[in-house]
Protein backbone atom coordinates (compact mmCIF):
# COMPACT_ATOMS: atom_id res chain seq x y z
CA MET A 1 114.64 57.34 16.84
CA LYS A 2 116.10 54.29 15.13
CA LYS A 3 119.38 56.14 14.58
CA SER A 4 119.53 57.08 18.27
CA LEU A 5 118.92 53.49 19.33
CA LEU A 6 121.66 52.25 17.00
CA LEU A 7 124.04 54.84 18.41
CA ALA A 8 123.21 53.86 21.99
CA ALA A 9 123.74 50.18 21.19
CA SER A 10 127.05 50.93 19.45
CA LEU A 11 128.33 52.99 22.38
CA LEU A 12 127.22 50.36 24.88
CA LEU A 13 129.10 47.65 22.98
CA SER A 14 132.16 49.90 22.81
CA PHE A 15 131.95 50.54 26.56
CA ILE A 16 131.68 46.81 27.28
CA SER A 17 134.67 46.19 24.99
CA HIS A 18 136.76 48.75 26.89
CA ILE A 19 135.77 47.23 30.23
CA THR A 20 136.61 43.72 28.98
CA GLN A 21 140.00 44.93 27.79
CA ALA A 22 140.69 46.57 31.15
CA GLN A 23 139.69 43.43 33.04
CA SER A 24 141.99 41.27 30.88
CA LEU A 25 144.95 43.39 31.98
CA PHE A 26 144.25 42.41 35.58
CA ASN A 27 143.03 38.83 35.12
CA SER A 28 145.69 37.07 33.09
CA PHE A 29 149.41 37.11 32.38
CA GLU A 30 150.43 38.30 28.92
CA PRO A 31 153.82 38.20 27.16
CA GLY A 32 155.69 41.43 27.70
CA SER A 33 158.79 43.16 28.99
CA TYR A 34 159.78 45.95 31.33
CA ILE A 35 162.61 48.44 31.75
CA PRO A 36 163.93 48.67 35.33
CA ALA A 37 163.87 52.14 36.85
CA GLY A 38 167.57 52.00 37.70
CA ASN A 39 168.78 50.63 34.36
CA PRO A 40 167.12 52.28 31.33
CA THR A 41 169.26 50.28 28.88
CA GLN A 42 168.00 46.91 30.12
CA ARG A 43 164.79 45.23 29.00
CA VAL A 44 163.56 42.22 30.97
CA GLU A 45 161.28 39.72 29.21
CA GLY A 46 158.53 37.77 30.96
CA SER A 47 154.81 37.27 31.42
CA LEU A 48 153.22 40.39 32.90
CA LYS A 49 149.98 41.28 34.63
CA LEU A 50 148.78 44.53 36.18
CA ARG A 51 147.54 44.59 39.75
CA GLY A 52 145.59 47.81 40.02
CA CYS A 53 147.44 50.76 38.53
CA THR A 54 150.45 50.76 40.86
CA GLU A 55 151.79 47.22 40.81
CA LEU A 56 153.14 44.95 38.10
CA LEU A 57 153.36 41.18 38.48
CA VAL A 58 156.10 39.49 36.47
CA LYS A 59 156.36 35.74 35.92
CA THR A 60 159.87 34.78 34.82
CA GLY A 61 161.18 31.69 33.05
CA ASN A 62 161.56 29.73 36.29
CA GLY A 63 157.85 30.09 36.99
CA LYS A 64 158.28 32.42 39.95
CA THR A 65 156.22 35.59 40.23
CA LYS A 66 157.61 38.83 41.61
CA LYS A 67 155.87 42.07 42.45
CA LEU A 68 157.22 45.34 41.08
CA GLY A 69 156.07 48.78 42.12
CA LEU A 70 156.33 52.26 40.66
CA ASP A 71 159.83 52.70 42.08
CA ASP A 72 161.03 49.52 40.37
CA VAL A 73 159.83 50.06 36.80
CA GLN A 74 160.47 52.86 34.32
CA SER A 75 158.11 51.56 31.65
CA PHE A 76 156.79 48.26 30.34
CA ARG A 77 155.09 46.62 27.39
CA LEU A 78 152.14 44.30 27.93
CA GLY A 79 151.22 42.57 24.69
CA SER A 80 150.89 45.38 22.14
CA GLN A 81 150.30 48.06 24.80
CA GLN A 82 153.00 50.42 26.06
CA PHE A 83 152.84 51.66 29.66
CA ILE A 84 154.60 54.58 31.30
CA LYS A 85 154.27 56.40 34.64
CA ALA A 86 152.17 59.51 35.18
CA GLY A 87 150.53 61.31 38.08
CA GLY A 88 149.11 64.48 39.56
CA PHE A 89 145.59 64.21 38.15
CA PRO A 90 142.16 63.69 39.78
CA VAL A 91 139.95 60.66 39.22
CA ASP A 92 136.25 61.12 39.92
CA LYS A 93 134.62 57.85 38.94
CA GLY A 94 134.96 55.25 41.67
CA LEU A 95 137.62 57.12 43.64
CA ASP A 96 135.59 60.11 44.85
CA GLY A 97 137.81 62.78 43.35
CA ASP A 98 141.07 61.36 44.66
CA THR A 99 144.25 62.69 43.11
CA ILE A 100 146.53 60.03 41.66
CA ASP A 101 150.07 60.82 42.80
CA GLN A 102 151.58 58.34 40.36
CA ALA A 103 150.34 55.33 38.43
CA PHE A 104 151.09 53.09 35.50
CA VAL A 105 149.17 54.38 32.46
CA GLU A 106 148.91 53.12 28.91
CA GLN A 107 150.51 55.42 26.33
CA VAL A 108 148.03 55.32 23.46
CA ASP A 109 149.56 57.98 21.16
CA SER A 110 152.33 60.55 21.33
CA GLY A 111 153.59 63.61 19.49
CA GLN A 112 152.65 67.20 20.24
CA VAL A 113 150.02 65.71 22.52
CA VAL A 114 150.39 62.53 24.57
CA LEU A 115 147.22 60.47 24.94
CA MET A 116 147.21 58.11 27.91
CA ARG A 117 144.70 55.75 29.43
CA LEU A 118 144.47 54.83 33.10
CA HIS A 119 143.18 51.34 33.86
CA TYR A 120 142.13 50.95 37.48
CA ILE A 121 140.02 48.83 39.79
CA VAL A 122 137.68 50.06 42.51
CA ALA A 123 136.78 47.65 45.29
CA GLY A 124 133.08 47.21 45.86
CA PRO A 125 130.86 45.16 48.17
CA ALA A 126 130.74 41.42 47.67
CA MET A 127 127.78 40.15 45.67
CA VAL A 128 126.00 36.80 45.69
CA GLY A 129 125.76 35.12 42.29
CA ALA A 130 122.93 33.02 40.89
CA THR A 131 124.49 29.91 42.43
CA GLY A 132 124.55 31.50 45.87
CA VAL A 133 128.34 31.77 45.89
CA PRO A 134 129.70 35.19 46.98
CA THR A 135 131.76 36.97 44.34
CA GLY A 136 133.93 40.05 44.49
CA GLY A 137 132.31 43.37 43.70
CA ASN A 138 135.41 44.93 42.15
CA ARG A 139 134.83 47.08 39.06
CA SER A 140 137.28 48.00 36.32
CA TYR A 141 137.37 51.53 34.93
CA GLU A 142 139.26 53.45 32.26
CA LEU A 143 140.07 57.14 32.11
CA TYR A 144 141.71 58.91 29.17
CA LEU A 145 144.35 61.54 29.95
CA LEU A 146 146.03 64.24 27.84
CA ARG A 147 149.36 65.99 28.24
CA LYS A 148 151.17 68.39 25.94
CA ALA A 149 154.66 67.27 24.92
CA GLY A 150 157.32 68.69 27.19
CA GLU A 151 154.82 69.68 29.88
CA THR A 152 153.85 68.00 33.13
CA THR A 153 150.21 69.06 33.48
CA ILE A 154 147.82 66.18 32.82
CA THR A 155 144.17 66.70 31.93
CA PRO A 156 141.67 63.91 32.60
CA LEU A 157 138.84 63.46 30.09
CA PRO A 158 135.78 62.42 32.12
CA ALA A 159 133.26 60.70 29.85
CA SER A 160 129.75 59.45 30.45
CA SER A 161 129.55 55.66 30.56
CA LEU A 162 126.34 55.87 28.51
CA THR A 163 127.47 58.16 25.67
CA GLY A 164 131.27 57.95 25.83
CA SER A 165 131.50 61.74 25.79
CA GLY A 166 129.66 64.62 27.44
CA LYS A 167 130.10 68.34 28.09
CA LYS A 168 133.03 67.93 30.50
CA PHE A 169 134.72 65.57 28.05
CA ARG A 170 134.50 68.11 25.22
CA GLU A 171 135.54 71.08 27.38
CA ALA A 172 138.66 69.25 28.55
CA LEU A 173 139.57 68.08 25.04
CA LEU A 174 139.11 71.27 23.00
CA PRO A 175 142.14 73.27 24.30
CA TYR A 176 144.46 70.55 22.99
CA LEU A 177 143.13 70.98 19.44
CA ALA A 178 144.06 74.67 19.04
CA GLY A 179 145.09 75.36 15.46
CA ARG A 180 143.15 72.41 14.05
CA SER A 181 139.73 73.79 13.18
CA ASP A 182 138.80 70.59 11.35
CA LEU A 183 139.32 68.46 14.45
CA THR A 184 137.76 71.09 16.71
CA LYS A 185 134.59 70.98 14.61
CA LEU A 186 134.31 67.23 15.08
CA VAL A 187 134.31 67.79 18.84
CA THR A 188 131.88 70.73 18.86
CA ASP A 189 129.56 68.80 16.55
CA LYS A 190 129.56 66.01 19.18
CA LEU A 191 131.07 63.45 16.83
CA ILE A 192 133.92 62.41 19.13
CA THR A 193 133.59 59.83 21.91
CA ILE A 194 136.11 57.64 23.70
CA GLU A 195 135.57 55.19 20.85
CA ASN A 196 137.27 57.37 18.22
CA LEU A 197 139.30 59.64 20.52
CA PRO A 198 142.57 57.76 19.76
CA LYS A 199 142.01 58.35 16.03
CA LEU A 200 141.40 62.05 16.68
CA ILE A 201 144.64 62.46 18.65
CA HIS A 202 146.57 60.42 16.09
CA ALA A 203 145.29 62.75 13.36
CA LEU A 204 146.48 65.70 15.45
CA ASN A 205 149.94 64.24 16.07
CA SER A 206 150.46 63.00 12.52
CA GLY A 207 149.13 66.13 10.83
CA ALA A 208 146.55 64.09 8.94
CA THR A 209 143.88 66.25 7.33
CA ASP A 210 141.16 63.65 6.91
CA GLY A 211 140.64 63.22 10.64
CA PRO A 212 139.16 60.20 12.38
CA VAL A 213 136.21 58.17 11.24
CA SER A 214 133.25 60.03 12.70
CA SER A 215 130.59 58.52 14.92
CA PRO A 216 126.91 59.43 14.51
CA THR A 217 125.93 62.65 16.23
CA THR A 218 125.24 62.30 19.95
CA THR A 219 122.70 64.27 21.91
CA ASN A 220 124.66 64.53 25.13
């Protein structure tokens, strides 16, 4: 019982950390750079901020802010995070199963498998705070995505917000681990959540045999 409570607390803190990170991408400008879609050899420096998953705000040296869309940007770097464009995948949470035609996504790891993360905002009803002042009801979400190198099909990894994993999460992840029985076992033993998923994919891409640091067994 104590172990289960510790696991739940750990996963909740991890979930809050992910949400905080996602919100920071939308709330403040960070040093970064972008590569224009029409000039792949040019890199433009500036302060960047995401607006949703389809628009990039760039503040240049003169203090002016310009809006760039998917047609304007090939890729960009926001702090230590690298972003590319991807599309053609469904998003269930918050968007009612809508298919994302194209969006800016964070490239978390690459190799034989590309691990990406979609950061997006869903508008919600306005709420009244403790002071009586209305506040926006927007919520930030994250969704991990997988794609095999050289292919275009993208697989979303839907994870429970309570456990960070789940049956659908494992079923979507397992086909990408073919040939790595050690990593497959970590998934089937329910040791992989969104918390250590990046380490799992990095172990796959790097050929590491020790695998990621395992989380306690979940019951989901």
